[in-house]
All heavy atoms as atom14 arrays in JSON, in Angstrom:
{
  "sequence": "EGRYQMSPIEQAPIETCGAIAAPEQNGRFVCYTSTQALFFSLGTSA",
  "atom14_mask": [
    [1, 1, 1, 1, 1, 1, 1, 1, 1, 0, 0, 0, 0, 0],
    [1, 1, 1, 1, 0, 0, 0, 0, 0, 0, 0, 0, 0, 0],
    [1, 1, 1, 1, 1, 1, 1, 1, 1, 1, 1, 0, 0, 0],
    [1, 1, 1, 1, 1, 1, 1, 1, 1, 1, 1, 1, 0, 0],
    [1, 1, 1, 1, 1, 1, 1, 1, 1, 0, 0, 0, 0, 0],
    [1, 1, 1, 1, 1, 1, 1, 1, 0, 0, 0, 0, 0, 0],
    [1, 1, 1, 1, 1, 1, 0, 0, 0, 0, 0, 0, 0, 0],
    [1, 1, 1, 1, 1, 1, 1, 0, 0, 0, 0, 0, 0, 0],
    [1, 1, 1, 1, 1, 1, 1, 1, 0, 0, 0, 0, 0, 0],
    [1, 1, 1, 1, 1, 1, 1, 1, 1, 0, 0, 0, 0, 0],
    [1, 1, 1, 1, 1, 1, 1, 1, 1, 0, 0, 0, 0, 0],
    [1, 1, 1, 1, 1, 0, 0, 0, 0, 0, 0, 0, 0, 0],
    [1, 1, 1, 1, 1, 1, 1, 0, 0, 0, 0, 0, 0, 0],
    [1, 1, 1, 1, 1, 1, 1, 1, 0, 0, 0, 0, 0, 0],
    [1, 1, 1, 1, 1, 1, 1, 1, 1, 0, 0, 0, 0, 0],
    [1, 1, 1, 1, 1, 1, 1, 0, 0, 0, 0, 0, 0, 0],
    [1, 1, 1, 1, 1, 1, 0, 0, 0, 0, 0, 0, 0, 0],
    [1, 1, 1, 1, 0, 0, 0, 0, 0, 0, 0, 0, 0, 0],
    [1, 1, 1, 1, 1, 0, 0, 0, 0, 0, 0, 0, 0, 0],
    [1, 1, 1, 1, 1, 1, 1, 1, 0, 0, 0, 0, 0, 0],
    [1, 1, 1, 1, 1, 0, 0, 0, 0, 0, 0, 0, 0, 0],
    [1, 1, 1, 1, 1, 0, 0, 0, 0, 0, 0, 0, 0, 0],
    [1, 1, 1, 1, 1, 1, 1, 0, 0, 0, 0, 0, 0, 0],
    [1, 1, 1, 1, 1, 1, 1, 1, 1, 0, 0, 0, 0, 0],
    [1, 1, 1, 1, 1, 1, 1, 1, 1, 0, 0, 0, 0, 0],
    [1, 1, 1, 1, 1, 1, 1, 1, 0, 0, 0, 0, 0, 0],
    [1, 1, 1, 1, 0, 0, 0, 0, 0, 0, 0, 0, 0, 0],
    [1, 1, 1, 1, 1, 1, 1, 1, 1, 1, 1, 0, 0, 0],
    [1, 1, 1, 1, 1, 1, 1, 1, 1, 1, 1, 0, 0, 0],
    [1, 1, 1, 1, 1, 1, 1, 0, 0, 0, 0, 0, 0, 0],
    [1, 1, 1, 1, 1, 1, 0, 0, 0, 0, 0, 0, 0, 0],
    [1, 1, 1, 1, 1, 1, 1, 1, 1, 1, 1, 1, 0, 0],
    [1, 1, 1, 1, 1, 1, 1, 0, 0, 0, 0, 0, 0, 0],
    [1, 1, 1, 1, 1, 1, 0, 0, 0, 0, 0, 0, 0, 0],
    [1, 1, 1, 1, 1, 1, 1, 0, 0, 0, 0, 0, 0, 0],
    [1, 1, 1, 1, 1, 1, 1, 1, 1, 0, 0, 0, 0, 0],
    [1, 1, 1, 1, 1, 0, 0, 0, 0, 0, 0, 0, 0, 0],
    [1, 1, 1, 1, 1, 1, 1, 1, 0, 0, 0, 0, 0, 0],
    [1, 1, 1, 1, 1, 1, 1, 1, 1, 1, 1, 0, 0, 0],
    [1, 1, 1, 1, 1, 1, 1, 1, 1, 1, 1, 0, 0, 0],
    [1, 1, 1, 1, 1, 1, 0, 0, 0, 0, 0, 0, 0, 0],
    [1, 1, 1, 1, 1, 1, 1, 1, 0, 0, 0, 0, 0, 0],
    [1, 1, 1, 1, 0, 0, 0, 0, 0, 0, 0, 0, 0, 0],
    [1, 1, 1, 1, 1, 1, 1, 0, 0, 0, 0, 0, 0, 0],
    [1, 1, 1, 1, 1, 1, 0, 0, 0, 0, 0, 0, 0, 0],
    [1, 1, 1, 1, 1, 0, 0, 0, 0, 0, 0, 0, 0, 0]
  ],
  "atom14_positions": [
    [[0.82, -1.18, 0.0], [0.0, -0.01, 0.0], [0.86, 1.24, 0.0], [1.98, 1.24, 0.54], [-0.91, 0.02, 1.23], [-1.88, -1.16, 1.3], [-2.86, -1.08, 2.43], [-3.73, -0.22, 2.38], [-2.7, -1.87, 3.38], [0.0, 0.0, 0.0], [0.0, 0.0, 0.0], [0.0, 0.0, 0.0], [0.0, 0.0, 0.0], [0.0, 0.0, 0.0]],
    [[0.33, 2.32, -0.57], [1.07, 3.56, -0.62], [0.15, 4.77, -0.75], [-0.98, 4.64, -1.26], [0.0, 0.0, 0.0], [0.0, 0.0, 0.0], [0.0, 0.0, 0.0], [0.0, 0.0, 0.0], [0.0, 0.0, 0.0], [0.0, 0.0, 0.0], [0.0, 0.0, 0.0], [0.0, 0.0, 0.0], [0.0, 0.0, 0.0], [0.0, 0.0, 0.0]],
    [[0.6, 5.93, -0.29], [-0.14, 7.19, -0.43], [0.79, 8.18, -1.15], [1.94, 8.32, -0.76], [-0.47, 7.77, 0.97], [-1.15, 9.1, 0.98], [-1.25, 9.58, 2.44], [-2.05, 10.8, 2.6], [-1.48, 12.02, 2.45], [-0.2, 12.17, 2.15], [-2.24, 13.11, 2.62], [0.0, 0.0, 0.0], [0.0, 0.0, 0.0], [0.0, 0.0, 0.0]],
    [[0.23, 8.85, -2.16], [1.05, 9.73, -3.03], [0.29, 11.05, -3.21], [-0.89, 11.08, -3.48], [1.32, 9.05, -4.33], [1.91, 7.67, -4.2], [1.06, 6.54, -4.11], [3.27, 7.5, -3.95], [1.61, 5.26, -3.92], [3.78, 6.21, -3.78], [2.98, 5.12, -3.74], [3.52, 3.88, -3.51], [0.0, 0.0, 0.0], [0.0, 0.0, 0.0]],
    [[1.06, 12.13, -3.07], [0.46, 13.45, -3.08], [1.17, 14.35, -4.11], [2.41, 14.38, -4.17], [0.59, 14.1, -1.7], [0.16, 15.55, -1.61], [-1.3, 15.67, -1.49], [-1.99, 14.86, -0.87], [-1.9, 16.78, -2.07], [0.0, 0.0, 0.0], [0.0, 0.0, 0.0], [0.0, 0.0, 0.0], [0.0, 0.0, 0.0], [0.0, 0.0, 0.0]],
    [[0.4, 15.03, -4.92], [0.93, 16.05, -5.86], [0.3, 17.39, -5.51], [-0.91, 17.52, -5.4], [0.62, 15.69, -7.34], [1.54, 14.61, -7.93], [1.42, 12.98, -7.14], [-0.22, 12.51, -7.54], [0.0, 0.0, 0.0], [0.0, 0.0, 0.0], [0.0, 0.0, 0.0], [0.0, 0.0, 0.0], [0.0, 0.0, 0.0], [0.0, 0.0, 0.0]],
    [[1.13, 18.38, -5.39], [0.66, 19.74, -5.07], [0.14, 20.47, -6.29], [0.5, 20.07, -7.39], [1.78, 20.55, -4.42], [2.21, 19.96, -3.23], [0.0, 0.0, 0.0], [0.0, 0.0, 0.0], [0.0, 0.0, 0.0], [0.0, 0.0, 0.0], [0.0, 0.0, 0.0], [0.0, 0.0, 0.0], [0.0, 0.0, 0.0], [0.0, 0.0, 0.0]],
    [[-0.63, 21.51, -6.13], [-1.0, 22.33, -7.29], [0.22, 22.89, -7.98], [1.23, 23.18, -7.3], [-1.89, 23.47, -6.71], [-2.28, 22.94, -5.38], [-1.18, 22.07, -4.89], [0.0, 0.0, 0.0], [0.0, 0.0, 0.0], [0.0, 0.0, 0.0], [0.0, 0.0, 0.0], [0.0, 0.0, 0.0], [0.0, 0.0, 0.0], [0.0, 0.0, 0.0]],
    [[0.18, 23.1, -9.29], [1.31, 23.62, -10.03], [0.81, 24.8, -10.89], [-0.07, 24.6, -11.7], [1.98, 22.54, -10.94], [2.43, 21.36, -10.06], [3.13, 23.16, -11.7], [3.0, 20.24, -10.9], [0.0, 0.0, 0.0], [0.0, 0.0, 0.0], [0.0, 0.0, 0.0], [0.0, 0.0, 0.0], [0.0, 0.0, 0.0], [0.0, 0.0, 0.0]],
    [[1.38, 25.95, -10.7], [1.07, 27.11, -11.56], [1.87, 27.05, -12.83], [3.05, 26.8, -12.8], [1.38, 28.4, -10.76], [1.52, 29.64, -11.57], [0.26, 30.02, -12.32], [-0.86, 29.71, -11.88], [0.42, 30.67, -13.41], [0.0, 0.0, 0.0], [0.0, 0.0, 0.0], [0.0, 0.0, 0.0], [0.0, 0.0, 0.0], [0.0, 0.0, 0.0]],
    [[1.19, 27.3, -13.97], [1.84, 27.18, -15.26], [2.93, 28.33, -15.45], [3.88, 28.17, -16.19], [0.8, 27.3, -16.38], [-0.22, 26.22, -16.34], [-1.44, 26.52, -15.45], [-1.4, 27.51, -14.71], [-2.45, 25.71, -15.5], [0.0, 0.0, 0.0], [0.0, 0.0, 0.0], [0.0, 0.0, 0.0], [0.0, 0.0, 0.0], [0.0, 0.0, 0.0]],
    [[2.72, 29.45, -14.8], [3.64, 30.6, -14.84], [4.1, 30.99, -16.23], [5.27, 31.01, -16.57], [4.9, 30.28, -13.97], [0.0, 0.0, 0.0], [0.0, 0.0, 0.0], [0.0, 0.0, 0.0], [0.0, 0.0, 0.0], [0.0, 0.0, 0.0], [0.0, 0.0, 0.0], [0.0, 0.0, 0.0], [0.0, 0.0, 0.0], [0.0, 0.0, 0.0]],
    [[3.15, 31.34, -17.11], [3.57, 31.81, -18.47], [4.24, 33.19, -18.37], [3.94, 33.95, -17.44], [2.23, 31.94, -19.18], [1.24, 32.2, -18.09], [1.71, 31.45, -16.91], [0.0, 0.0, 0.0], [0.0, 0.0, 0.0], [0.0, 0.0, 0.0], [0.0, 0.0, 0.0], [0.0, 0.0, 0.0], [0.0, 0.0, 0.0], [0.0, 0.0, 0.0]],
    [[5.16, 33.42, -19.28], [5.82, 34.76, -19.29], [4.79, 35.79, -19.58], [4.8, 36.88, -18.95], [6.95, 34.73, -20.33], [8.06, 33.8, -19.9], [7.53, 36.17, -20.51], [9.2, 33.69, -20.96], [0.0, 0.0, 0.0], [0.0, 0.0, 0.0], [0.0, 0.0, 0.0], [0.0, 0.0, 0.0], [0.0, 0.0, 0.0], [0.0, 0.0, 0.0]],
    [[3.88, 35.54, -20.51], [2.79, 36.46, -20.83], [1.57, 36.12, -19.91], [1.09, 35.01, -19.99], [2.37, 36.32, -22.28], [1.1, 37.11, -22.67], [0.51, 36.59, -23.92], [0.27, 35.39, -24.07], [0.25, 37.42, -24.87], [0.0, 0.0, 0.0], [0.0, 0.0, 0.0], [0.0, 0.0, 0.0], [0.0, 0.0, 0.0], [0.0, 0.0, 0.0]],
    [[1.17, 37.03, -19.06], [0.01, 36.73, -18.19], [-1.27, 36.76, -19.01], [-1.3, 37.29, -20.12], [-0.06, 37.79, -17.07], [-0.19, 39.06, -17.63], [1.19, 37.71, -16.19], [0.0, 0.0, 0.0], [0.0, 0.0, 0.0], [0.0, 0.0, 0.0], [0.0, 0.0, 0.0], [0.0, 0.0, 0.0], [0.0, 0.0, 0.0], [0.0, 0.0, 0.0]],
    [[-2.32, 36.23, -18.45], [-3.59, 36.14, -19.13], [-4.16, 37.55, -19.38], [-4.0, 38.45, -18.53], [-4.61, 35.37, -18.33], [-4.29, 33.58, -18.29], [0.0, 0.0, 0.0], [0.0, 0.0, 0.0], [0.0, 0.0, 0.0], [0.0, 0.0, 0.0], [0.0, 0.0, 0.0], [0.0, 0.0, 0.0], [0.0, 0.0, 0.0], [0.0, 0.0, 0.0]],
    [[-4.82, 37.74, -20.49], [-5.42, 39.01, -20.78], [-6.11, 39.07, -22.12], [-6.02, 38.17, -22.89], [0.0, 0.0, 0.0], [0.0, 0.0, 0.0], [0.0, 0.0, 0.0], [0.0, 0.0, 0.0], [0.0, 0.0, 0.0], [0.0, 0.0, 0.0], [0.0, 0.0, 0.0], [0.0, 0.0, 0.0], [0.0, 0.0, 0.0], [0.0, 0.0, 0.0]],
    [[-6.8, 40.19, -22.34], [-7.51, 40.43, -23.59], [-7.77, 41.91, -23.77], [-7.87, 42.66, -22.8], [-8.85, 39.66, -23.59], [0.0, 0.0, 0.0], [0.0, 0.0, 0.0], [0.0, 0.0, 0.0], [0.0, 0.0, 0.0], [0.0, 0.0, 0.0], [0.0, 0.0, 0.0], [0.0, 0.0, 0.0], [0.0, 0.0, 0.0], [0.0, 0.0, 0.0]],
    [[-7.85, 42.33, -25.03], [-8.24, 43.67, -25.39], [-9.48, 43.55, -26.32], [-9.43, 42.86, -27.31], [-7.13, 44.44, -26.13], [-5.89, 44.57, -25.21], [-7.62, 45.81, -26.59], [-4.72, 45.24, -25.89], [0.0, 0.0, 0.0], [0.0, 0.0, 0.0], [0.0, 0.0, 0.0], [0.0, 0.0, 0.0], [0.0, 0.0, 0.0], [0.0, 0.0, 0.0]],
    [[-10.53, 44.25, -25.93], [-11.75, 44.2, -26.73], [-12.12, 45.63, -27.19], [-11.82, 46.65, -26.48], [-12.94, 43.66, -25.95], [0.0, 0.0, 0.0], [0.0, 0.0, 0.0], [0.0, 0.0, 0.0], [0.0, 0.0, 0.0], [0.0, 0.0, 0.0], [0.0, 0.0, 0.0], [0.0, 0.0, 0.0], [0.0, 0.0, 0.0], [0.0, 0.0, 0.0]],
    [[-12.69, 45.74, -28.38], [-13.04, 47.06, -28.92], [-14.29, 46.96, -29.76], [-14.53, 45.88, -30.38], [-11.89, 47.64, -29.71], [0.0, 0.0, 0.0], [0.0, 0.0, 0.0], [0.0, 0.0, 0.0], [0.0, 0.0, 0.0], [0.0, 0.0, 0.0], [0.0, 0.0, 0.0], [0.0, 0.0, 0.0], [0.0, 0.0, 0.0], [0.0, 0.0, 0.0]],
    [[-15.12, 48.01, -29.82], [-16.28, 47.97, -30.73], [-15.84, 47.98, -32.16], [-14.85, 48.62, -32.58], [-17.01, 49.27, -30.39], [-16.47, 49.7, -29.05], [-15.06, 49.24, -29.02], [0.0, 0.0, 0.0], [0.0, 0.0, 0.0], [0.0, 0.0, 0.0], [0.0, 0.0, 0.0], [0.0, 0.0, 0.0], [0.0, 0.0, 0.0], [0.0, 0.0, 0.0]],
    [[-16.54, 47.21, -32.99], [-16.36, 47.24, -34.44], [-17.63, 47.8, -35.06], [-18.51, 48.33, -34.35], [-16.12, 45.81, -34.97], [-14.71, 45.37, -34.86], [-14.42, 44.03, -35.6], [-15.34, 43.27, -35.86], [-13.24, 43.81, -35.92], [0.0, 0.0, 0.0], [0.0, 0.0, 0.0], [0.0, 0.0, 0.0], [0.0, 0.0, 0.0], [0.0, 0.0, 0.0]],
    [[-17.79, 47.73, -36.36], [-19.0, 48.21, -37.04], [-20.12, 47.19, -36.91], [-19.91, 45.99, -36.56], [-18.68, 48.42, -38.52], [-17.55, 49.43, -38.83], [-17.93, 50.77, -38.28], [-19.07, 51.24, -38.41], [-16.98, 51.46, -37.63], [0.0, 0.0, 0.0], [0.0, 0.0, 0.0], [0.0, 0.0, 0.0], [0.0, 0.0, 0.0], [0.0, 0.0, 0.0]],
    [[-21.33, 47.61, -37.14], [-22.53, 46.77, -37.19], [-22.75, 46.0, -35.89], [-23.23, 44.86, -35.9], [-22.35, 45.79, -38.35], [-22.23, 46.43, -39.73], [-22.82, 47.49, -39.97], [-21.35, 45.89, -40.53], [0.0, 0.0, 0.0], [0.0, 0.0, 0.0], [0.0, 0.0, 0.0], [0.0, 0.0, 0.0], [0.0, 0.0, 0.0], [0.0, 0.0, 0.0]],
    [[-22.47, 46.69, -34.76], [-22.74, 46.04, -33.51], [-21.88, 44.85, -33.14], [-22.23, 44.06, -32.29], [0.0, 0.0, 0.0], [0.0, 0.0, 0.0], [0.0, 0.0, 0.0], [0.0, 0.0, 0.0], [0.0, 0.0, 0.0], [0.0, 0.0, 0.0], [0.0, 0.0, 0.0], [0.0, 0.0, 0.0], [0.0, 0.0, 0.0], [0.0, 0.0, 0.0]],
    [[-20.71, 44.74, -33.75], [-19.79, 43.64, -33.49], [-18.67, 44.17, -32.61], [-18.41, 45.37, -32.49], [-19.19, 43.09, -34.78], [-20.26, 42.49, -35.73], [-19.58, 41.92, -36.96], [-18.99, 40.57, -36.66], [-17.83, 40.18, -37.12], [-17.08, 41.0, -37.87], [-17.39, 38.94, -36.86], [0.0, 0.0, 0.0], [0.0, 0.0, 0.0], [0.0, 0.0, 0.0]],
    [[-17.99, 43.2, -31.98], [-16.86, 43.51, -31.08], [-15.67, 42.64, -31.44], [-15.86, 41.4, -31.66], [-17.24, 43.33, -29.62], [-18.31, 44.26, -29.19], [-19.65, 43.92, -29.35], [-18.0, 45.49, -28.66], [-20.67, 44.79, -28.97], [-19.05, 46.39, -28.27], [-20.35, 46.03, -28.43], [0.0, 0.0, 0.0], [0.0, 0.0, 0.0], [0.0, 0.0, 0.0]],
    [[-14.48, 43.2, -31.51], [-13.29, 42.45, -31.79], [-12.62, 42.21, -30.41], [-12.7, 43.02, -29.54], [-12.32, 43.2, -32.72], [-11.84, 44.52, -32.1], [-11.13, 42.31, -33.11], [0.0, 0.0, 0.0], [0.0, 0.0, 0.0], [0.0, 0.0, 0.0], [0.0, 0.0, 0.0], [0.0, 0.0, 0.0], [0.0, 0.0, 0.0], [0.0, 0.0, 0.0]],
    [[-12.01, 41.04, -30.26], [-11.33, 40.72, -29.05], [-9.98, 40.03, -29.38], [-9.95, 38.95, -30.02], [-12.17, 39.75, -28.19], [-11.38, 39.32, -26.63], [0.0, 0.0, 0.0], [0.0, 0.0, 0.0], [0.0, 0.0, 0.0], [0.0, 0.0, 0.0], [0.0, 0.0, 0.0], [0.0, 0.0, 0.0], [0.0, 0.0, 0.0], [0.0, 0.0, 0.0]],
    [[-8.9, 40.74, -29.04], [-7.55, 40.16, -29.16], [-7.22, 39.48, -27.83], [-7.32, 40.12, -26.77], [-6.55, 41.25, -29.45], [-6.71, 41.91, -30.82], [-7.52, 43.09, -30.94], [-6.13, 41.41, -31.98], [-7.65, 43.66, -32.17], [-6.28, 42.0, -33.2], [-7.08, 43.15, -33.28], [-7.26, 43.77, -34.49], [0.0, 0.0, 0.0], [0.0, 0.0, 0.0]],
    [[-6.81, 38.25, -27.86], [-6.72, 37.52, -26.62], [-5.5, 36.55, -26.62], [-5.01, 36.14, -27.65], [-8.01, 36.66, -26.36], [-7.8, 35.8, -25.25], [-8.37, 35.84, -27.62], [0.0, 0.0, 0.0], [0.0, 0.0, 0.0], [0.0, 0.0, 0.0], [0.0, 0.0, 0.0], [0.0, 0.0, 0.0], [0.0, 0.0, 0.0], [0.0, 0.0, 0.0]],
    [[-5.06, 36.22, -25.4], [-3.96, 35.29, -25.24], [-4.41, 33.86, -25.08], [-3.62, 32.99, -24.74], [-3.13, 35.68, -24.01], [-3.93, 35.51, -22.85], [0.0, 0.0, 0.0], [0.0, 0.0, 0.0], [0.0, 0.0, 0.0], [0.0, 0.0, 0.0], [0.0, 0.0, 0.0], [0.0, 0.0, 0.0], [0.0, 0.0, 0.0], [0.0, 0.0, 0.0]],
    [[-5.72, 33.58, -25.34], [-6.24, 32.22, -25.07], [-5.52, 31.18, -25.89], [-5.04, 31.44, -27.03], [-7.74, 32.22, -25.44], [-8.24, 30.93, -25.17], [-7.98, 32.51, -26.94], [0.0, 0.0, 0.0], [0.0, 0.0, 0.0], [0.0, 0.0, 0.0], [0.0, 0.0, 0.0], [0.0, 0.0, 0.0], [0.0, 0.0, 0.0], [0.0, 0.0, 0.0]],
    [[-5.48, 30.01, -25.36], [-5.02, 28.81, -26.09], [-6.13, 28.12, -26.84], [-5.88, 27.24, -27.66], [-4.41, 27.78, -25.11], [-3.12, 28.18, -24.45], [-2.66, 27.1, -23.48], [-2.82, 27.25, -22.28], [-2.16, 25.98, -23.96], [0.0, 0.0, 0.0], [0.0, 0.0, 0.0], [0.0, 0.0, 0.0], [0.0, 0.0, 0.0], [0.0, 0.0, 0.0]],
    [[-7.33, 28.46, -26.5], [-8.51, 27.74, -27.08], [-9.48, 28.79, -27.61], [-10.46, 29.13, -26.91], [-9.12, 26.83, -26.02], [0.0, 0.0, 0.0], [0.0, 0.0, 0.0], [0.0, 0.0, 0.0], [0.0, 0.0, 0.0], [0.0, 0.0, 0.0], [0.0, 0.0, 0.0], [0.0, 0.0, 0.0], [0.0, 0.0, 0.0], [0.0, 0.0, 0.0]],
    [[-9.28, 29.27, -28.79], [-10.04, 30.38, -29.34], [-11.53, 30.11, -29.36], [-12.34, 31.0, -29.02], [-9.53, 30.77, -30.72], [-9.8, 32.18, -31.17], [-9.05, 33.17, -30.33], [-9.41, 32.34, -32.64], [0.0, 0.0, 0.0], [0.0, 0.0, 0.0], [0.0, 0.0, 0.0], [0.0, 0.0, 0.0], [0.0, 0.0, 0.0], [0.0, 0.0, 0.0]],
    [[-11.92, 28.9, -29.78], [-13.34, 28.66, -29.9], [-14.01, 28.42, -28.53], [-15.22, 28.68, -28.35], [-13.58, 27.48, -30.85], [-13.45, 27.89, -32.29], [-12.24, 27.71, -32.94], [-14.53, 28.44, -32.99], [-12.1, 28.07, -34.24], [-14.34, 28.84, -34.29], [-13.17, 28.65, -34.98], [0.0, 0.0, 0.0], [0.0, 0.0, 0.0], [0.0, 0.0, 0.0]],
    [[-13.28, 27.86, -27.59], [-13.79, 27.78, -26.2], [-14.06, 29.21, -25.69], [-15.11, 29.48, -25.07], [-12.81, 27.1, -25.3], [-12.9, 25.58, -25.33], [-11.78, 24.79, -25.08], [-14.06, 24.94, -25.69], [-11.82, 23.4, -25.13], [-14.15, 23.57, -25.78], [-13.03, 22.8, -25.44], [0.0, 0.0, 0.0], [0.0, 0.0, 0.0], [0.0, 0.0, 0.0]],
    [[-13.08, 30.13, -25.86], [-13.23, 31.47, -25.39], [-14.36, 32.19, -26.13], [-15.12, 32.94, -25.45], [-11.93, 32.24, -25.52], [-10.87, 31.62, -24.82], [0.0, 0.0, 0.0], [0.0, 0.0, 0.0], [0.0, 0.0, 0.0], [0.0, 0.0, 0.0], [0.0, 0.0, 0.0], [0.0, 0.0, 0.0], [0.0, 0.0, 0.0], [0.0, 0.0, 0.0]],
    [[-14.54, 31.94, -27.36], [-15.61, 32.53, -28.13], [-16.98, 31.98, -27.57], [-17.9, 32.78, -27.36], [-15.46, 32.16, -29.61], [-16.67, 32.57, -30.52], [-16.79, 34.08, -30.57], [-16.4, 32.0, -31.91], [0.0, 0.0, 0.0], [0.0, 0.0, 0.0], [0.0, 0.0, 0.0], [0.0, 0.0, 0.0], [0.0, 0.0, 0.0], [0.0, 0.0, 0.0]],
    [[-17.09, 30.66, -27.41], [-18.34, 30.12, -26.91], [-18.65, 30.57, -25.53], [-19.82, 30.92, -25.22], [0.0, 0.0, 0.0], [0.0, 0.0, 0.0], [0.0, 0.0, 0.0], [0.0, 0.0, 0.0], [0.0, 0.0, 0.0], [0.0, 0.0, 0.0], [0.0, 0.0, 0.0], [0.0, 0.0, 0.0], [0.0, 0.0, 0.0], [0.0, 0.0, 0.0]],
    [[-17.71, 30.68, -24.64], [-17.92, 31.14, -23.3], [-18.39, 32.6, -23.31], [-19.36, 32.97, -22.59], [-16.6, 31.05, -22.42], [-16.29, 29.67, -22.29], [-16.78, 31.68, -21.09], [0.0, 0.0, 0.0], [0.0, 0.0, 0.0], [0.0, 0.0, 0.0], [0.0, 0.0, 0.0], [0.0, 0.0, 0.0], [0.0, 0.0, 0.0], [0.0, 0.0, 0.0]],
    [[-17.74, 33.46, -24.1], [-18.13, 34.88, -24.17], [-19.52, 34.97, -24.71], [-20.33, 35.83, -24.18], [-17.12, 35.64, -24.98], [-15.83, 35.6, -24.45], [0.0, 0.0, 0.0], [0.0, 0.0, 0.0], [0.0, 0.0, 0.0], [0.0, 0.0, 0.0], [0.0, 0.0, 0.0], [0.0, 0.0, 0.0], [0.0, 0.0, 0.0], [0.0, 0.0, 0.0]],
    [[-19.88, 34.28, -25.73], [-21.22, 34.36, -26.32], [-22.26, 33.95, -25.3], [-23.33, 34.54, -25.21], [-21.27, 33.5, -27.57], [0.0, 0.0, 0.0], [0.0, 0.0, 0.0], [0.0, 0.0, 0.0], [0.0, 0.0, 0.0], [0.0, 0.0, 0.0], [0.0, 0.0, 0.0], [0.0, 0.0, 0.0], [0.0, 0.0, 0.0], [0.0, 0.0, 0.0]]
  ]
}
């Protein structure tokens, strides 16, 4: 028998998380983002 423990690990990217959003034409909005999963972020925002 054995017990094994792993602590939380922070990814520590050089670029911290963030986004810049701005109004576009026709009621649209542009979002420049550091996401790794563009369609996940799009779906979540919608």
